[in-house]
N, C-alpha and C. Protein backbone atom coordinates (compact mmCIF):
# COMPACT_ATOMS: atom_id res chain seq x y z
N UNK A 1 -22.32 -45.68 1.07
CA UNK A 1 -21.99 -44.86 -0.10
C UNK A 1 -22.63 -43.48 0.02
N UNK A 2 -23.93 -43.45 0.43
CA UNK A 2 -24.63 -42.17 0.57
C UNK A 2 -23.95 -41.31 1.62
N UNK A 3 -23.43 -41.94 2.68
CA UNK A 3 -22.75 -41.21 3.75
C UNK A 3 -21.49 -40.55 3.22
N UNK A 4 -20.74 -41.26 2.37
CA UNK A 4 -19.51 -40.72 1.78
C UNK A 4 -19.83 -39.53 0.89
N UNK A 5 -20.89 -39.67 0.08
CA UNK A 5 -21.30 -38.57 -0.82
C UNK A 5 -21.70 -37.35 0.00
N UNK A 6 -22.44 -37.55 1.10
CA UNK A 6 -22.87 -36.44 1.96
C UNK A 6 -21.67 -35.73 2.57
N UNK A 7 -20.71 -36.52 3.06
CA UNK A 7 -19.50 -35.92 3.65
C UNK A 7 -18.76 -35.11 2.60
N UNK A 8 -18.63 -35.65 1.39
CA UNK A 8 -17.93 -34.93 0.33
C UNK A 8 -18.65 -33.64 -0.03
N UNK A 9 -19.99 -33.69 -0.05
CA UNK A 9 -20.79 -32.51 -0.36
C UNK A 9 -20.60 -31.42 0.69
N UNK A 10 -20.64 -31.81 1.97
CA UNK A 10 -20.45 -30.84 3.04
C UNK A 10 -19.03 -30.26 3.01
N UNK A 11 -18.06 -31.10 2.72
CA UNK A 11 -16.67 -30.63 2.61
C UNK A 11 -16.54 -29.61 1.48
N UNK A 12 -17.18 -29.88 0.34
CA UNK A 12 -17.13 -28.97 -0.81
C UNK A 12 -17.74 -27.62 -0.46
N UNK A 13 -18.88 -27.65 0.25
CA UNK A 13 -19.51 -26.40 0.66
C UNK A 13 -18.60 -25.60 1.59
N UNK A 14 -17.92 -26.28 2.49
CA UNK A 14 -17.02 -25.58 3.41
C UNK A 14 -15.86 -24.96 2.67
N UNK A 15 -15.35 -25.63 1.64
CA UNK A 15 -14.25 -25.08 0.85
C UNK A 15 -14.69 -23.85 0.07
N UNK A 16 -15.91 -23.88 -0.44
CA UNK A 16 -16.45 -22.72 -1.16
C UNK A 16 -16.60 -21.55 -0.21
N UNK A 17 -17.08 -21.82 0.99
CA UNK A 17 -17.26 -20.76 1.97
C UNK A 17 -15.92 -20.13 2.33
N UNK A 18 -14.89 -20.98 2.50
CA UNK A 18 -13.57 -20.46 2.84
C UNK A 18 -12.98 -19.66 1.70
N UNK A 19 -13.35 -20.02 0.47
CA UNK A 19 -12.78 -19.35 -0.70
C UNK A 19 -13.35 -17.96 -0.89
N UNK A 20 -14.53 -17.71 -0.30
CA UNK A 20 -15.16 -16.41 -0.44
C UNK A 20 -14.79 -15.50 0.73
N UNK A 21 -14.82 -14.20 0.48
CA UNK A 21 -14.50 -13.22 1.52
C UNK A 21 -15.61 -12.16 1.47
N UNK A 22 -16.83 -12.52 1.91
CA UNK A 22 -17.99 -11.65 1.69
C UNK A 22 -17.88 -10.27 2.32
N UNK A 23 -17.26 -10.15 3.50
CA UNK A 23 -17.14 -8.84 4.14
C UNK A 23 -16.33 -7.89 3.29
N UNK A 24 -15.24 -8.38 2.73
CA UNK A 24 -14.40 -7.55 1.87
C UNK A 24 -15.17 -7.10 0.64
N UNK A 25 -15.89 -8.02 0.01
CA UNK A 25 -16.66 -7.68 -1.19
C UNK A 25 -17.69 -6.60 -0.89
N UNK A 26 -18.48 -6.81 0.17
CA UNK A 26 -19.56 -5.88 0.48
C UNK A 26 -19.04 -4.49 0.82
N UNK A 27 -17.93 -4.42 1.51
CA UNK A 27 -17.40 -3.10 1.89
C UNK A 27 -16.71 -2.43 0.72
N UNK A 28 -16.06 -3.21 -0.13
CA UNK A 28 -15.46 -2.62 -1.33
C UNK A 28 -16.54 -1.99 -2.20
N UNK A 29 -17.71 -2.62 -2.27
CA UNK A 29 -18.81 -2.09 -3.07
C UNK A 29 -19.30 -0.74 -2.55
N UNK A 30 -19.13 -0.50 -1.24
CA UNK A 30 -19.62 0.73 -0.63
C UNK A 30 -18.68 1.92 -0.86
N UNK A 31 -17.44 1.64 -1.25
CA UNK A 31 -16.47 2.72 -1.45
C UNK A 31 -16.64 3.30 -2.85
N UNK A 32 -16.85 4.60 -2.98
CA UNK A 32 -16.98 5.20 -4.32
C UNK A 32 -15.73 4.95 -5.15
N UNK A 33 -15.92 4.78 -6.44
CA UNK A 33 -14.79 4.52 -7.33
C UNK A 33 -14.06 5.81 -7.64
N UNK A 34 -12.75 5.80 -7.48
CA UNK A 34 -11.90 6.95 -7.79
C UNK A 34 -11.41 6.82 -9.23
N UNK A 35 -11.66 7.83 -10.03
CA UNK A 35 -11.25 7.81 -11.43
C UNK A 35 -9.74 7.96 -11.57
N UNK A 36 -9.21 7.43 -12.65
CA UNK A 36 -7.78 7.51 -12.95
C UNK A 36 -7.54 8.54 -14.05
N UNK A 37 -6.34 9.16 -14.07
CA UNK A 37 -5.21 8.94 -13.17
C UNK A 37 -5.45 9.59 -11.81
N UNK A 38 -4.74 9.08 -10.79
CA UNK A 38 -4.90 9.60 -9.44
C UNK A 38 -3.58 9.50 -8.69
N UNK A 39 -3.14 10.65 -8.15
CA UNK A 39 -1.92 10.68 -7.34
C UNK A 39 -2.31 10.76 -5.87
N UNK A 40 -1.80 9.84 -5.08
CA UNK A 40 -2.10 9.82 -3.65
C UNK A 40 -1.12 10.76 -2.95
N UNK A 41 -1.45 12.05 -2.93
CA UNK A 41 -0.56 13.08 -2.42
C UNK A 41 -0.58 13.20 -0.92
N UNK A 42 0.30 14.07 -0.44
CA UNK A 42 0.50 14.25 1.00
C UNK A 42 -0.75 14.75 1.71
N UNK A 43 -1.52 15.60 1.04
CA UNK A 43 -2.68 16.21 1.68
C UNK A 43 -4.01 15.59 1.27
N UNK A 44 -3.97 14.49 0.52
CA UNK A 44 -5.21 13.86 0.08
C UNK A 44 -5.98 13.27 1.25
N UNK A 45 -7.27 13.52 1.28
CA UNK A 45 -8.12 12.97 2.33
C UNK A 45 -8.32 11.47 2.10
N UNK A 46 -8.23 10.71 3.18
CA UNK A 46 -8.47 9.28 3.11
C UNK A 46 -9.75 8.99 3.90
N UNK A 47 -10.81 8.72 3.16
CA UNK A 47 -12.11 8.52 3.81
C UNK A 47 -12.68 7.16 3.43
N UNK A 48 -13.95 6.93 3.81
CA UNK A 48 -14.63 5.65 3.55
C UNK A 48 -13.77 4.49 4.03
N UNK A 49 -13.33 4.54 5.28
CA UNK A 49 -12.42 3.55 5.81
C UNK A 49 -13.19 2.36 6.39
N UNK A 50 -12.74 1.16 6.02
CA UNK A 50 -13.35 -0.06 6.52
C UNK A 50 -12.25 -0.96 7.07
N UNK A 51 -12.34 -1.29 8.35
CA UNK A 51 -11.29 -2.05 9.02
C UNK A 51 -11.48 -3.55 8.80
N UNK A 52 -10.34 -4.24 8.54
CA UNK A 52 -10.36 -5.68 8.36
C UNK A 52 -9.28 -6.32 9.21
N UNK A 53 -9.57 -7.50 9.74
CA UNK A 53 -8.57 -8.26 10.45
C UNK A 53 -7.56 -8.85 9.46
N UNK A 54 -6.37 -9.20 9.94
CA UNK A 54 -5.34 -9.73 9.02
C UNK A 54 -5.80 -10.94 8.21
N UNK A 55 -6.62 -11.79 8.81
CA UNK A 55 -7.06 -13.00 8.12
C UNK A 55 -7.83 -12.68 6.84
N UNK A 56 -8.60 -11.60 6.85
CA UNK A 56 -9.40 -11.24 5.68
C UNK A 56 -8.53 -10.75 4.53
N UNK A 57 -7.33 -10.27 4.84
CA UNK A 57 -6.45 -9.69 3.82
C UNK A 57 -5.25 -10.57 3.52
N UNK A 58 -5.27 -11.81 3.97
CA UNK A 58 -4.19 -12.74 3.70
C UNK A 58 -3.97 -12.86 2.18
N UNK A 59 -2.72 -12.87 1.70
CA UNK A 59 -1.44 -12.99 2.41
C UNK A 59 -0.69 -11.67 2.64
N UNK A 60 -1.40 -10.53 2.63
CA UNK A 60 -0.72 -9.25 2.84
C UNK A 60 -0.12 -9.21 4.25
N UNK A 61 1.18 -8.94 4.39
CA UNK A 61 1.79 -8.87 5.72
C UNK A 61 1.43 -7.55 6.40
N UNK A 62 0.92 -7.63 7.61
CA UNK A 62 0.40 -6.46 8.31
C UNK A 62 1.45 -5.91 9.28
N UNK A 63 2.17 -4.90 8.84
CA UNK A 63 3.17 -4.26 9.69
C UNK A 63 3.39 -2.82 9.23
N UNK A 64 4.05 -2.03 10.06
CA UNK A 64 4.45 -0.68 9.68
C UNK A 64 5.94 -0.52 9.96
N UNK A 65 6.52 0.59 9.55
CA UNK A 65 7.96 0.84 9.74
C UNK A 65 8.18 1.85 10.86
N UNK A 66 9.21 1.61 11.67
CA UNK A 66 9.54 2.53 12.75
C UNK A 66 10.56 3.58 12.32
N UNK A 67 11.35 3.27 11.29
CA UNK A 67 12.41 4.20 10.86
C UNK A 67 12.17 4.63 9.42
N UNK A 68 12.69 5.79 9.04
CA UNK A 68 12.41 6.32 7.71
C UNK A 68 13.20 5.61 6.62
N UNK A 69 14.17 4.79 7.02
CA UNK A 69 14.88 3.97 6.05
C UNK A 69 14.17 2.67 5.75
N UNK A 70 13.04 2.43 6.43
CA UNK A 70 12.21 1.23 6.23
C UNK A 70 13.02 -0.06 6.44
N UNK A 71 13.79 -0.08 7.53
CA UNK A 71 14.55 -1.29 7.86
C UNK A 71 13.99 -2.01 9.07
N UNK A 72 13.20 -1.30 9.90
CA UNK A 72 12.65 -1.91 11.11
C UNK A 72 11.14 -2.03 11.01
N UNK A 73 10.68 -3.27 10.89
CA UNK A 73 9.25 -3.53 10.82
C UNK A 73 8.70 -3.75 12.23
N UNK A 74 7.48 -3.31 12.42
CA UNK A 74 6.88 -3.41 13.75
C UNK A 74 5.45 -3.94 13.65
N UNK A 75 5.15 -4.92 14.47
CA UNK A 75 3.79 -5.42 14.60
C UNK A 75 3.18 -4.83 15.86
N UNK A 76 1.91 -4.55 15.85
CA UNK A 76 1.25 -4.04 17.04
C UNK A 76 1.14 -5.15 18.09
N UNK A 77 1.25 -4.81 19.39
CA UNK A 77 1.05 -5.83 20.42
C UNK A 77 -0.38 -6.35 20.45
N UNK A 78 -1.30 -5.55 19.94
CA UNK A 78 -2.69 -5.98 19.82
C UNK A 78 -2.92 -6.49 18.40
N UNK A 79 -3.98 -7.30 18.18
CA UNK A 79 -4.27 -7.76 16.82
C UNK A 79 -4.41 -6.57 15.87
N UNK A 80 -3.59 -6.55 14.86
CA UNK A 80 -3.53 -5.40 13.97
C UNK A 80 -4.14 -5.77 12.63
N UNK A 81 -4.91 -4.88 12.08
CA UNK A 81 -5.48 -5.10 10.78
C UNK A 81 -5.18 -3.93 9.87
N UNK A 82 -6.06 -3.67 8.93
CA UNK A 82 -5.84 -2.59 7.98
C UNK A 82 -7.17 -1.97 7.59
N UNK A 83 -7.10 -0.70 7.15
CA UNK A 83 -8.27 0.02 6.67
C UNK A 83 -8.20 0.13 5.15
N UNK A 84 -9.24 -0.30 4.47
CA UNK A 84 -9.36 -0.04 3.03
C UNK A 84 -10.00 1.33 2.89
N UNK A 85 -9.27 2.27 2.28
CA UNK A 85 -9.77 3.64 2.24
C UNK A 85 -10.05 4.16 0.83
N UNK A 86 -9.63 3.44 -0.22
CA UNK A 86 -9.89 3.93 -1.56
C UNK A 86 -10.02 2.76 -2.54
N UNK A 87 -10.98 2.89 -3.48
CA UNK A 87 -11.13 1.92 -4.57
C UNK A 87 -10.96 2.66 -5.88
N UNK A 88 -10.16 2.09 -6.78
CA UNK A 88 -9.83 2.77 -8.03
C UNK A 88 -10.55 2.15 -9.22
N UNK A 89 -10.74 2.99 -10.21
CA UNK A 89 -11.28 2.54 -11.49
C UNK A 89 -10.33 1.53 -12.12
N UNK A 90 -10.88 0.51 -12.77
CA UNK A 90 -10.08 -0.46 -13.52
C UNK A 90 -10.38 -0.27 -15.00
N UNK A 91 -9.40 0.16 -15.76
CA UNK A 91 -9.62 0.43 -17.18
C UNK A 91 -9.22 -0.75 -18.07
N UNK A 92 -8.34 -1.61 -17.56
CA UNK A 92 -7.92 -2.81 -18.30
C UNK A 92 -7.76 -3.95 -17.30
N UNK A 93 -8.15 -5.16 -17.69
CA UNK A 93 -7.89 -6.30 -16.83
C UNK A 93 -9.11 -7.11 -16.49
N UNK A 94 -8.87 -8.32 -15.98
CA UNK A 94 -9.94 -9.26 -15.66
C UNK A 94 -10.16 -9.42 -14.16
N UNK A 95 -9.47 -8.65 -13.34
CA UNK A 95 -9.68 -8.70 -11.90
C UNK A 95 -10.82 -7.74 -11.54
N UNK A 96 -11.37 -7.88 -10.34
CA UNK A 96 -12.61 -7.16 -10.00
C UNK A 96 -12.38 -5.85 -9.28
N UNK A 97 -11.40 -5.81 -8.36
CA UNK A 97 -11.19 -4.61 -7.56
C UNK A 97 -9.71 -4.24 -7.46
N UNK A 98 -9.46 -2.94 -7.41
CA UNK A 98 -8.15 -2.38 -7.12
C UNK A 98 -8.36 -1.39 -5.99
N UNK A 99 -7.69 -1.60 -4.86
CA UNK A 99 -7.94 -0.77 -3.69
C UNK A 99 -6.65 -0.46 -2.95
N UNK A 100 -6.70 0.61 -2.15
CA UNK A 100 -5.58 0.99 -1.29
C UNK A 100 -5.97 0.74 0.15
N UNK A 101 -5.06 0.16 0.92
CA UNK A 101 -5.33 -0.12 2.33
C UNK A 101 -4.16 0.34 3.18
N UNK A 102 -4.47 0.78 4.38
CA UNK A 102 -3.47 1.40 5.25
C UNK A 102 -3.36 0.67 6.57
N UNK A 103 -2.11 0.43 6.99
CA UNK A 103 -1.82 -0.05 8.33
C UNK A 103 -1.25 1.14 9.08
N UNK A 104 -1.87 1.54 10.16
CA UNK A 104 -1.38 2.70 10.89
C UNK A 104 -1.36 2.42 12.38
N UNK A 105 -0.39 3.01 13.06
CA UNK A 105 -0.23 2.87 14.50
C UNK A 105 0.40 4.14 15.02
N UNK A 106 -0.34 4.92 15.78
CA UNK A 106 0.17 6.17 16.34
C UNK A 106 0.66 7.07 15.20
N UNK A 107 1.97 7.32 15.13
CA UNK A 107 2.53 8.24 14.13
C UNK A 107 3.06 7.54 12.89
N UNK A 108 2.78 6.25 12.74
CA UNK A 108 3.36 5.47 11.65
C UNK A 108 2.27 5.01 10.69
N UNK A 109 2.59 5.04 9.39
CA UNK A 109 1.61 4.65 8.39
C UNK A 109 2.29 3.89 7.25
N UNK A 110 1.67 2.78 6.85
CA UNK A 110 2.18 1.95 5.75
C UNK A 110 1.00 1.57 4.86
N UNK A 111 1.11 1.87 3.57
CA UNK A 111 0.00 1.66 2.64
C UNK A 111 0.35 0.65 1.56
N UNK A 112 -0.61 -0.22 1.27
CA UNK A 112 -0.50 -1.17 0.17
C UNK A 112 -1.53 -0.84 -0.91
N UNK A 113 -1.20 -1.18 -2.13
CA UNK A 113 -2.15 -1.24 -3.23
C UNK A 113 -2.39 -2.73 -3.46
N UNK A 114 -3.65 -3.13 -3.60
CA UNK A 114 -3.95 -4.55 -3.74
C UNK A 114 -5.04 -4.78 -4.76
N UNK A 115 -4.95 -5.91 -5.44
CA UNK A 115 -6.00 -6.34 -6.36
C UNK A 115 -6.77 -7.49 -5.72
N UNK A 116 -8.08 -7.54 -6.02
CA UNK A 116 -8.96 -8.56 -5.44
C UNK A 116 -9.76 -9.23 -6.55
N UNK A 117 -10.09 -10.51 -6.34
CA UNK A 117 -10.95 -11.20 -7.29
C UNK A 117 -12.41 -10.99 -6.93
N UNK A 118 -13.31 -11.63 -7.67
CA UNK A 118 -14.74 -11.42 -7.48
C UNK A 118 -15.25 -11.97 -6.14
N UNK A 119 -14.43 -12.80 -5.50
CA UNK A 119 -14.82 -13.38 -4.22
C UNK A 119 -14.25 -12.59 -3.03
N UNK A 120 -13.50 -11.51 -3.31
CA UNK A 120 -12.93 -10.70 -2.25
C UNK A 120 -11.58 -11.17 -1.76
N UNK A 121 -10.97 -12.12 -2.48
CA UNK A 121 -9.66 -12.63 -2.11
C UNK A 121 -8.55 -11.81 -2.76
N UNK A 122 -7.46 -11.62 -2.04
CA UNK A 122 -6.33 -10.86 -2.56
C UNK A 122 -5.65 -11.63 -3.68
N UNK A 123 -5.45 -10.95 -4.82
CA UNK A 123 -4.70 -11.54 -5.94
C UNK A 123 -3.22 -11.21 -5.79
N UNK A 124 -2.94 -9.92 -5.61
CA UNK A 124 -1.55 -9.48 -5.47
C UNK A 124 -1.54 -8.16 -4.71
N UNK A 125 -0.37 -7.75 -4.21
CA UNK A 125 -0.27 -6.52 -3.43
C UNK A 125 1.11 -5.92 -3.61
N UNK A 126 1.19 -4.60 -3.31
CA UNK A 126 2.43 -3.86 -3.49
C UNK A 126 2.53 -2.78 -2.43
N UNK A 127 3.66 -2.70 -1.74
CA UNK A 127 3.90 -1.63 -0.77
C UNK A 127 4.16 -0.33 -1.54
N UNK A 128 3.34 0.71 -1.27
CA UNK A 128 3.40 1.90 -2.13
C UNK A 128 3.53 3.22 -1.38
N UNK A 129 3.38 3.24 -0.06
CA UNK A 129 3.31 4.51 0.65
C UNK A 129 3.75 4.30 2.10
N UNK A 130 4.73 5.10 2.54
CA UNK A 130 5.20 5.04 3.93
C UNK A 130 5.32 6.46 4.45
N UNK A 131 4.66 6.74 5.56
CA UNK A 131 4.68 8.09 6.11
C UNK A 131 4.82 8.09 7.62
N UNK A 132 5.27 9.24 8.13
CA UNK A 132 5.47 9.42 9.57
C UNK A 132 4.95 10.79 9.97
N UNK A 133 4.26 10.85 11.08
CA UNK A 133 3.80 12.14 11.58
C UNK A 133 4.98 12.88 12.19
N UNK A 134 5.20 14.11 11.75
CA UNK A 134 6.24 14.97 12.31
C UNK A 134 5.55 16.30 12.61
N UNK A 135 6.29 17.44 12.50
CA UNK A 135 5.60 18.72 12.66
C UNK A 135 4.53 18.84 11.58
N UNK A 136 4.89 18.53 10.37
CA UNK A 136 3.91 18.37 9.29
C UNK A 136 3.77 16.87 9.03
N UNK A 137 4.59 16.33 8.16
CA UNK A 137 4.66 14.88 7.97
C UNK A 137 5.82 14.57 7.04
N UNK A 138 6.41 13.41 7.24
CA UNK A 138 7.51 12.95 6.40
C UNK A 138 7.05 11.72 5.64
N UNK A 139 7.18 11.76 4.32
CA UNK A 139 6.88 10.60 3.48
C UNK A 139 8.15 10.17 2.77
N UNK A 140 8.45 8.88 2.82
CA UNK A 140 9.59 8.34 2.07
C UNK A 140 9.12 7.47 0.91
N UNK A 141 7.80 7.32 0.78
CA UNK A 141 7.25 6.57 -0.34
C UNK A 141 5.84 7.07 -0.60
N UNK A 142 5.52 7.34 -1.88
CA UNK A 142 4.18 7.74 -2.31
C UNK A 142 3.89 7.07 -3.65
N UNK A 143 2.63 7.16 -4.10
CA UNK A 143 2.32 6.45 -5.35
C UNK A 143 1.26 7.16 -6.18
N UNK A 144 1.21 6.73 -7.43
CA UNK A 144 0.26 7.26 -8.41
C UNK A 144 -0.21 6.11 -9.29
N UNK A 145 -1.50 6.11 -9.63
CA UNK A 145 -2.06 5.11 -10.53
C UNK A 145 -2.51 5.83 -11.80
N UNK A 146 -1.95 5.43 -12.95
CA UNK A 146 -2.29 6.05 -14.22
C UNK A 146 -3.46 5.32 -14.88
N UNK A 147 -4.03 5.95 -15.91
CA UNK A 147 -5.23 5.37 -16.51
C UNK A 147 -4.96 4.17 -17.41
N UNK A 148 -3.67 3.83 -17.63
CA UNK A 148 -3.37 2.60 -18.36
C UNK A 148 -2.96 1.48 -17.41
N UNK A 149 -3.28 1.66 -16.13
CA UNK A 149 -3.00 0.70 -15.06
C UNK A 149 -1.50 0.58 -14.76
N UNK A 150 -0.78 1.67 -15.02
CA UNK A 150 0.60 1.78 -14.57
C UNK A 150 0.60 2.36 -13.16
N UNK A 151 1.41 1.81 -12.29
CA UNK A 151 1.58 2.33 -10.93
C UNK A 151 3.00 2.86 -10.81
N UNK A 152 3.13 4.11 -10.37
CA UNK A 152 4.45 4.69 -10.13
C UNK A 152 4.62 4.85 -8.63
N UNK A 153 5.68 4.28 -8.09
CA UNK A 153 6.01 4.41 -6.67
C UNK A 153 7.21 5.35 -6.56
N UNK A 154 7.01 6.47 -5.90
CA UNK A 154 8.07 7.46 -5.70
C UNK A 154 8.70 7.23 -4.33
N UNK A 155 10.01 6.95 -4.32
CA UNK A 155 10.67 6.60 -3.05
C UNK A 155 11.89 7.47 -2.80
N UNK A 156 12.13 7.73 -1.53
CA UNK A 156 13.39 8.29 -1.07
C UNK A 156 14.10 7.19 -0.30
N UNK A 157 15.13 6.62 -0.91
CA UNK A 157 15.86 5.53 -0.28
C UNK A 157 16.96 6.11 0.61
N UNK A 158 16.78 5.96 1.91
CA UNK A 158 17.70 6.53 2.88
C UNK A 158 19.02 5.76 2.87
N UNK A 159 20.12 6.51 2.77
CA UNK A 159 21.45 5.90 2.71
C UNK A 159 22.15 6.11 4.05
N UNK A 160 21.94 5.16 4.95
CA UNK A 160 22.52 5.24 6.28
C UNK A 160 22.78 3.84 6.79
N UNK A 161 23.91 3.64 7.47
CA UNK A 161 24.26 2.32 8.01
C UNK A 161 23.49 2.03 9.30
N UNK A 162 22.85 3.05 9.86
CA UNK A 162 22.07 2.90 11.09
C UNK A 162 20.64 3.36 10.85
N UNK A 163 19.69 2.81 11.58
CA UNK A 163 18.30 3.27 11.44
C UNK A 163 18.17 4.75 11.78
N UNK A 164 17.37 5.46 11.00
CA UNK A 164 17.10 6.88 11.23
C UNK A 164 15.62 7.01 11.57
N UNK A 165 15.33 7.57 12.73
CA UNK A 165 13.95 7.66 13.20
C UNK A 165 13.39 9.06 13.00
N UNK A 166 12.07 9.18 12.87
CA UNK A 166 11.47 10.51 12.72
C UNK A 166 11.61 11.37 13.97
N UNK A 167 11.84 10.73 15.11
CA UNK A 167 12.07 11.44 16.36
C UNK A 167 13.31 10.85 17.03
N UNK A 168 14.18 11.67 17.66
CA UNK A 168 14.17 13.14 17.65
C UNK A 168 14.63 13.66 16.29
N UNK A 169 14.53 14.97 16.08
CA UNK A 169 14.91 15.55 14.80
C UNK A 169 16.40 15.33 14.53
N UNK A 170 16.70 14.97 13.28
CA UNK A 170 18.09 14.85 12.86
C UNK A 170 18.46 16.09 12.06
N UNK A 171 19.75 16.33 11.90
CA UNK A 171 20.18 17.52 11.17
C UNK A 171 19.98 17.35 9.68
N UNK A 172 20.54 16.27 9.13
CA UNK A 172 20.36 15.98 7.71
C UNK A 172 20.61 14.50 7.47
N UNK A 173 20.13 14.02 6.34
CA UNK A 173 20.30 12.62 5.98
C UNK A 173 20.45 12.52 4.46
N UNK A 174 21.27 11.59 4.02
CA UNK A 174 21.47 11.42 2.58
C UNK A 174 20.48 10.39 2.05
N UNK A 175 19.93 10.66 0.89
CA UNK A 175 18.95 9.75 0.30
C UNK A 175 18.98 9.85 -1.21
N UNK A 176 18.46 8.83 -1.86
CA UNK A 176 18.36 8.81 -3.32
C UNK A 176 16.91 8.61 -3.73
N UNK A 177 16.45 9.48 -4.57
CA UNK A 177 15.09 9.33 -5.10
C UNK A 177 15.08 8.29 -6.21
N UNK A 178 14.11 7.39 -6.14
CA UNK A 178 13.91 6.37 -7.18
C UNK A 178 12.42 6.31 -7.51
N UNK A 179 12.09 6.45 -8.78
CA UNK A 179 10.71 6.29 -9.24
C UNK A 179 10.61 4.92 -9.90
N UNK A 180 9.79 4.04 -9.34
CA UNK A 180 9.66 2.68 -9.85
C UNK A 180 8.31 2.50 -10.54
N UNK A 181 8.35 2.00 -11.76
CA UNK A 181 7.14 1.83 -12.57
C UNK A 181 6.72 0.36 -12.57
N UNK A 182 5.43 0.14 -12.31
CA UNK A 182 4.84 -1.20 -12.36
C UNK A 182 3.66 -1.17 -13.32
N UNK A 183 3.39 -2.31 -13.91
CA UNK A 183 2.19 -2.47 -14.74
C UNK A 183 1.31 -3.53 -14.08
N UNK A 184 0.03 -3.22 -13.95
CA UNK A 184 -0.90 -4.23 -13.43
C UNK A 184 -1.35 -5.08 -14.61
N UNK A 185 -1.04 -6.36 -14.59
CA UNK A 185 -1.38 -7.24 -15.69
C UNK A 185 -2.88 -7.49 -15.73
N UNK A 186 -3.35 -8.09 -16.80
CA UNK A 186 -4.77 -8.40 -16.93
C UNK A 186 -5.27 -9.33 -15.83
N UNK A 187 -4.36 -10.13 -15.27
CA UNK A 187 -4.75 -11.05 -14.21
C UNK A 187 -4.65 -10.43 -12.82
N UNK A 188 -4.21 -9.14 -12.76
CA UNK A 188 -4.16 -8.44 -11.48
C UNK A 188 -2.83 -8.52 -10.75
N UNK A 189 -1.76 -8.88 -11.44
CA UNK A 189 -0.43 -8.96 -10.83
C UNK A 189 0.34 -7.66 -11.07
N UNK A 190 1.14 -7.26 -10.06
CA UNK A 190 1.99 -6.08 -10.20
C UNK A 190 3.32 -6.51 -10.81
N UNK A 191 3.57 -6.06 -12.01
CA UNK A 191 4.77 -6.46 -12.75
C UNK A 191 5.70 -5.26 -12.89
N UNK A 192 6.89 -5.36 -12.30
CA UNK A 192 7.84 -4.25 -12.35
C UNK A 192 8.34 -4.02 -13.77
N UNK A 193 8.38 -2.73 -14.18
CA UNK A 193 8.82 -2.37 -15.52
C UNK A 193 10.22 -1.75 -15.52
N UNK A 194 10.44 -0.73 -14.68
CA UNK A 194 11.73 -0.05 -14.71
C UNK A 194 11.87 0.86 -13.49
N UNK A 195 13.13 1.26 -13.24
CA UNK A 195 13.44 2.26 -12.22
C UNK A 195 13.98 3.51 -12.90
N UNK A 196 13.58 4.66 -12.41
CA UNK A 196 14.19 5.94 -12.81
C UNK A 196 14.91 6.47 -11.58
N UNK A 197 16.23 6.57 -11.67
CA UNK A 197 17.03 6.95 -10.50
C UNK A 197 17.54 8.38 -10.64
N UNK A 198 17.74 9.01 -9.50
CA UNK A 198 18.23 10.38 -9.42
C UNK A 198 19.52 10.39 -8.60
N UNK A 199 20.27 11.48 -8.71
CA UNK A 199 21.49 11.61 -7.93
C UNK A 199 21.15 11.75 -6.45
N UNK A 200 21.96 11.11 -5.62
CA UNK A 200 21.77 11.23 -4.17
C UNK A 200 22.03 12.66 -3.72
N UNK A 201 21.36 13.04 -2.65
CA UNK A 201 21.58 14.37 -2.09
C UNK A 201 21.28 14.34 -0.59
N UNK A 202 21.71 15.38 0.09
CA UNK A 202 21.42 15.52 1.51
C UNK A 202 20.11 16.27 1.71
N UNK A 203 19.28 15.74 2.60
CA UNK A 203 18.01 16.37 2.95
C UNK A 203 18.06 16.73 4.42
N UNK A 204 17.68 17.96 4.74
CA UNK A 204 17.54 18.32 6.14
C UNK A 204 16.20 17.82 6.66
N UNK A 205 16.07 17.77 7.97
CA UNK A 205 14.80 17.35 8.58
C UNK A 205 13.67 18.27 8.10
N UNK A 206 13.96 19.58 8.08
CA UNK A 206 12.93 20.55 7.68
C UNK A 206 12.51 20.33 6.23
N UNK A 207 13.47 19.99 5.36
CA UNK A 207 13.14 19.74 3.95
C UNK A 207 12.17 18.57 3.82
N UNK A 208 12.45 17.49 4.51
CA UNK A 208 11.59 16.32 4.43
C UNK A 208 10.23 16.58 5.06
N UNK A 209 10.23 17.29 6.18
CA UNK A 209 8.99 17.57 6.89
C UNK A 209 8.08 18.51 6.11
N UNK A 210 8.67 19.43 5.39
CA UNK A 210 7.89 20.44 4.66
C UNK A 210 7.72 20.11 3.18
N UNK A 211 8.32 19.02 2.73
CA UNK A 211 8.24 18.63 1.33
C UNK A 211 6.78 18.37 0.94
N UNK A 212 6.35 18.97 -0.17
CA UNK A 212 4.98 18.79 -0.61
C UNK A 212 4.74 17.34 -1.01
N UNK A 213 5.46 16.88 -2.04
CA UNK A 213 5.38 15.50 -2.50
C UNK A 213 6.72 15.12 -3.12
N UNK A 214 7.05 13.83 -3.05
CA UNK A 214 8.33 13.37 -3.58
C UNK A 214 8.43 13.64 -5.08
N UNK A 215 7.37 13.43 -5.82
CA UNK A 215 7.40 13.59 -7.27
C UNK A 215 7.66 15.02 -7.70
N UNK A 216 7.49 15.98 -6.78
CA UNK A 216 7.68 17.39 -7.12
C UNK A 216 9.05 17.89 -6.68
N UNK A 217 9.96 16.96 -6.31
CA UNK A 217 11.28 17.35 -5.87
C UNK A 217 12.15 17.85 -7.00
N UNK A 218 13.28 18.49 -6.64
CA UNK A 218 14.19 19.07 -7.64
C UNK A 218 15.45 18.24 -7.81
N UNK A 219 15.39 16.94 -7.54
CA UNK A 219 16.56 16.08 -7.67
C UNK A 219 17.04 16.02 -9.12
N UNK A 220 18.36 15.89 -9.29
CA UNK A 220 18.96 15.83 -10.62
C UNK A 220 19.10 14.38 -11.08
N UNK A 221 18.96 14.16 -12.37
CA UNK A 221 19.12 12.83 -12.95
C UNK A 221 20.59 12.53 -13.22
């Protein structure tokens, strides 16, 4: 009987250990808190980067996009992880951390916003930012976090039957701007609220490359 109790006790300890993610917690604590509202713009510096292996950020899928239409996902041939580069203020809710993490490979970048519990485990995540290095840079997705825990994702949805790559330069491409609003619930879940859509238009390569930010575009409703 004592042997069974001991085995159960050791099993319980192992489950508790697996449930905790101490590296994530300790590094999140080291990142200064960014006050809200905050727009993650094209020229914003991304500092205080801490690299994590995919296992630490499970179940977030670790990949980036090869094309600006976000149809081709790519995994690195080497073990790929992500950098947590920003932690945001939480004004409402019972979750412990709200952070942004980036998967990058060469000229490709894919960013998630994620919520974490007190043990460093991922509660929920949302794809919020996709960029490509060009002469300046091309972004087809950017995001903003408001002080009421609303997240706005600004997207340029490329309208093409074939993948469009950042290289070589294309003449023009048709796209539709969509602003998608999410609310972070008290439990840390990203809950979609609504889409604000704009009329489709043609963008030249130079327009996309030199565009300051998607939210500052002149698209018509």
